Amino acid sequence: FELANNPEIQERVRSEVLEKLKLHDGQITYEALKEMTYLDQVINETLRMYPPVPQLIRVSTQPYSVEGTNVTLDRDTMLMVPIYAIHHDATIYPDPERFDPDRFAPDAVHSRHTHAFLPFGDGPRNCIGMRFGLLEVKFGIVQMISKLQFTVSSRTQMPIRMSKSAAILEAEGGLWLNATKLSVGK
C-alpha cells in the first residue's frame, strides 16, 4: 500500500532491485537481497508505521530503576511496552504519519535510541522468526516490484483508518491495489 501510495519511493525501490538483480544474473539470491539496502529501509518504515504487534507484555525478572525517574520496578512487575505509541511518537519520528524510508538510513538509525524501533521486540524474548520473515518479505517484494507497477485502487478508503475491533492492525475496508505489468524494457 505505501509503495503504491508513494510512486517516487516505489520507483526508487524498483531501480535498486533491478540494479542488484542485474549484478546477480537476474537471480534473486541471498547475496542480492542483502545488497538491497533501500528495500530494507522501506520494510523498516512499514514496520514502524504498522508494527505486527502493537504492544508487548513483559515481566521484570529483577528490581529495575527506571532511568531519569525515582521509580523502581519490583521483581515480577508486569509491564506493557506500547510499541505502536513509540513508533508514532513525534519527538522520535517527526511527522509520524508520513511514510519516509529515509528514517532508516544508517545515520538516522544511529541518532535514535536503540529501543525506539521494536517491531519484533528485543533481547532474549524477541521474535524467533524475525530473520526468516524479513527474508521472505524481501523475496516477495522483489518478485512483485521487478515485474509490476502498483497504484492504489479507488476501492481503498482514503485516508486509511485502522480497525478498532481487530486483534492485529487491520485497515477498515481492506487495502485494494491495482497492478500493471511492467514493459519488458523495465
Protein backbone atom coordinates (compact mmCIF):
# COMPACT_ATOMS: atom_id res chain seq x y z
CA PHE A 1 0.00 0.00 0.00
CA GLU A 2 2.69 2.52 0.95
CA LEU A 3 4.69 1.85 -2.22
CA ALA A 4 1.52 2.22 -4.31
CA ASN A 5 0.67 5.43 -2.45
CA ASN A 6 4.21 6.83 -2.91
CA PRO A 7 5.17 6.25 -6.57
CA GLU A 8 8.55 8.00 -6.28
CA ILE A 9 9.56 5.64 -3.46
CA GLN A 10 8.19 2.67 -5.43
CA GLU A 11 10.35 3.67 -8.39
CA ARG A 12 13.45 4.12 -6.18
CA VAL A 13 12.94 0.61 -4.77
CA ARG A 14 12.37 -0.82 -8.25
CA SER A 15 15.58 0.81 -9.53
CA GLU A 16 17.58 -0.67 -6.67
CA VAL A 17 16.01 -4.11 -7.13
CA LEU A 18 16.64 -4.20 -10.89
CA GLU A 19 20.21 -2.95 -10.44
CA LYS A 20 21.03 -5.62 -7.84
CA LEU A 21 19.33 -8.37 -9.85
CA LYS A 22 21.37 -7.39 -12.89
CA LEU A 23 24.56 -7.81 -10.82
CA HIS A 24 23.40 -11.34 -9.91
CA ASP A 25 22.43 -12.57 -13.41
CA GLY A 26 18.76 -11.80 -12.80
CA GLN A 27 18.62 -14.27 -9.90
CA ILE A 28 17.12 -13.48 -6.52
CA THR A 29 19.96 -14.74 -4.37
CA TYR A 30 20.59 -14.28 -0.67
CA GLU A 31 23.52 -12.02 -1.57
CA ALA A 32 21.38 -9.90 -3.90
CA LEU A 33 18.72 -9.50 -1.19
CA LYS A 34 21.37 -8.45 1.36
CA GLU A 35 22.56 -5.71 -1.01
CA MET A 36 19.07 -4.15 -1.28
CA THR A 37 19.57 -1.61 1.48
CA TYR A 38 16.87 0.86 0.41
CA LEU A 39 14.38 -2.03 0.33
CA ASP A 40 15.40 -2.71 3.96
CA GLN A 41 14.63 0.93 4.78
CA VAL A 42 11.20 0.64 3.13
CA ILE A 43 10.40 -2.53 5.07
CA ASN A 44 11.55 -0.98 8.35
CA GLU A 45 9.49 2.17 7.78
CA THR A 46 6.47 -0.04 7.06
CA LEU A 47 7.09 -1.96 10.28
CA ARG A 48 7.39 1.33 12.14
CA MET A 49 4.06 2.57 10.86
CA TYR A 50 2.29 -0.79 11.09
CA PRO A 51 4.03 -2.90 13.74
CA PRO A 52 2.97 -6.58 13.69
CA VAL A 53 2.21 -6.42 17.43
CA PRO A 54 1.11 -3.01 18.76
CA GLN A 55 2.28 -3.73 22.32
CA LEU A 56 4.32 -6.28 24.23
CA ILE A 57 3.76 -7.62 27.72
CA ARG A 58 6.87 -8.35 29.79
CA VAL A 59 7.57 -9.23 33.43
CA SER A 60 10.61 -7.87 35.24
CA THR A 61 12.96 -10.59 36.45
CA GLN A 62 14.71 -8.37 38.99
CA PRO A 63 14.25 -4.92 40.54
CA TYR A 64 14.86 -2.21 37.94
CA SER A 65 15.40 1.53 38.47
CA VAL A 66 13.78 3.48 35.66
CA GLU A 67 16.37 5.93 34.32
CA GLY A 68 15.55 9.59 34.82
CA THR A 69 12.89 8.90 37.48
CA ASN A 70 12.79 7.86 41.11
CA VAL A 71 10.72 4.78 40.21
CA THR A 72 11.95 1.25 40.83
CA LEU A 73 10.06 -1.67 39.38
CA ASP A 74 9.83 -4.65 41.72
CA ARG A 75 10.64 -8.13 40.56
CA ASP A 76 7.62 -9.82 38.84
CA THR A 77 6.10 -6.47 37.83
CA MET A 78 4.09 -6.84 34.64
CA LEU A 79 4.87 -4.19 32.02
CA MET A 80 3.21 -3.18 28.80
CA VAL A 81 5.58 -1.80 26.14
CA PRO A 82 3.50 0.43 23.80
CA ILE A 83 5.26 -0.27 20.50
CA TYR A 84 2.68 1.46 18.32
CA ALA A 85 2.84 4.59 20.50
CA ILE A 86 6.65 4.62 20.48
CA HIS A 87 6.73 4.19 16.69
CA HIS A 88 4.29 7.11 16.29
CA ASP A 89 5.90 9.45 18.83
CA ALA A 90 6.56 12.75 17.01
CA THR A 91 9.53 13.51 19.28
CA ILE A 92 11.24 10.38 17.95
CA TYR A 93 9.80 10.28 14.41
CA PRO A 94 8.77 13.78 13.25
CA ASP A 95 5.56 13.75 11.17
CA PRO A 96 4.99 10.10 12.16
CA GLU A 97 2.06 9.51 9.77
CA ARG A 98 4.24 10.27 6.73
CA PHE A 99 5.90 7.29 5.02
CA ASP A 100 9.61 8.12 4.92
CA PRO A 101 12.09 5.24 4.45
CA ASP A 102 14.99 7.67 4.93
CA ARG A 103 14.20 7.49 8.66
CA PHE A 104 16.09 4.18 8.43
CA ALA A 105 19.17 5.43 6.61
CA PRO A 106 22.22 4.46 8.71
CA ASP A 107 22.84 7.97 10.10
CA ALA A 108 19.19 8.39 11.13
CA VAL A 109 19.15 4.98 12.86
CA HIS A 110 22.32 5.78 14.83
CA SER A 111 20.89 9.10 16.01
CA ARG A 112 17.94 7.40 17.80
CA HIS A 113 17.75 5.38 20.99
CA THR A 114 18.23 1.66 20.27
CA HIS A 115 14.76 0.91 21.63
CA ALA A 116 12.92 3.47 19.52
CA PHE A 117 12.19 0.74 16.93
CA LEU A 118 10.81 -2.55 18.26
CA PRO A 119 8.69 -4.26 15.59
CA PHE A 120 9.81 -7.70 16.81
CA GLY A 121 10.61 -6.89 20.42
CA ASP A 122 14.18 -7.01 21.64
CA GLY A 123 16.51 -9.11 23.73
CA PRO A 124 16.19 -12.81 24.51
CA ARG A 125 12.39 -12.75 24.01
CA ASN A 126 12.34 -11.14 20.57
CA CYS A 127 10.65 -12.84 17.63
CA ILE A 128 12.35 -16.12 16.80
CA GLY A 129 11.16 -15.96 13.17
CA MET A 130 12.25 -12.38 12.52
CA ARG A 131 15.17 -13.10 10.16
CA PHE A 132 13.25 -15.67 8.14
CA GLY A 133 10.16 -13.46 7.98
CA LEU A 134 12.13 -10.44 6.78
CA LEU A 135 13.88 -12.54 4.14
CA GLU A 136 10.54 -13.88 2.88
CA VAL A 137 9.06 -10.37 2.73
CA LYS A 138 12.06 -9.07 0.79
CA PHE A 139 11.85 -12.00 -1.62
CA GLY A 140 8.13 -11.39 -2.20
CA ILE A 141 8.54 -7.65 -2.75
CA VAL A 142 11.43 -8.24 -5.17
CA GLN A 143 9.32 -10.74 -7.13
CA MET A 144 6.45 -8.27 -7.44
CA ILE A 145 8.22 -4.91 -7.77
CA SER A 146 10.52 -6.19 -10.52
CA LYS A 147 7.53 -7.14 -12.68
CA LEU A 148 4.60 -4.94 -11.63
CA GLN A 149 3.69 -1.28 -11.13
CA PHE A 150 1.28 -0.70 -8.22
CA THR A 151 -1.30 2.03 -7.68
CA VAL A 152 -3.95 2.42 -5.00
CA SER A 153 -7.40 1.27 -6.13
CA SER A 154 -10.42 3.53 -5.76
CA ARG A 155 -11.89 0.73 -3.63
CA THR A 156 -9.44 1.62 -0.83
CA GLN A 157 -10.99 4.02 1.68
CA MET A 158 -8.67 7.02 1.93
CA PRO A 159 -7.33 8.11 4.28
CA ILE A 160 -6.97 4.63 5.69
CA ARG A 161 -8.30 4.05 9.19
CA MET A 162 -7.28 1.17 11.38
CA SER A 163 -9.99 -1.09 12.73
CA LYS A 164 -10.63 -0.61 16.42
CA SER A 165 -12.03 -4.14 16.82
CA ALA A 166 -9.30 -6.21 15.11
CA ALA A 167 -6.76 -8.06 17.25
CA ILE A 168 -3.92 -7.01 14.91
CA LEU A 169 -3.54 -3.87 12.79
CA GLU A 170 -6.08 -4.04 10.01
CA ALA A 171 -7.34 -1.31 7.67
CA GLU A 172 -11.09 -0.77 7.70
CA GLY A 173 -12.45 -1.88 4.33
CA GLY A 174 -9.15 -3.54 3.41
CA LEU A 175 -6.35 -2.32 1.18
CA TRP A 176 -7.01 -2.59 -2.54
CA LEU A 177 -4.27 -2.15 -5.14
CA ASN A 178 -4.07 -2.13 -8.92
CA ALA A 179 -1.14 -3.95 -10.51
CA THR A 180 0.06 -3.30 -14.05
CA LYS A 181 2.66 -5.47 -15.72
CA LEU A 182 5.84 -3.54 -16.49
CA SER A 183 7.06 -3.35 -20.08
CA VAL A 184 9.87 -5.78 -20.92
CA GLY A 185 12.45 -2.97 -21.05
CA LYS A 186 12.00 -2.20 -17.32
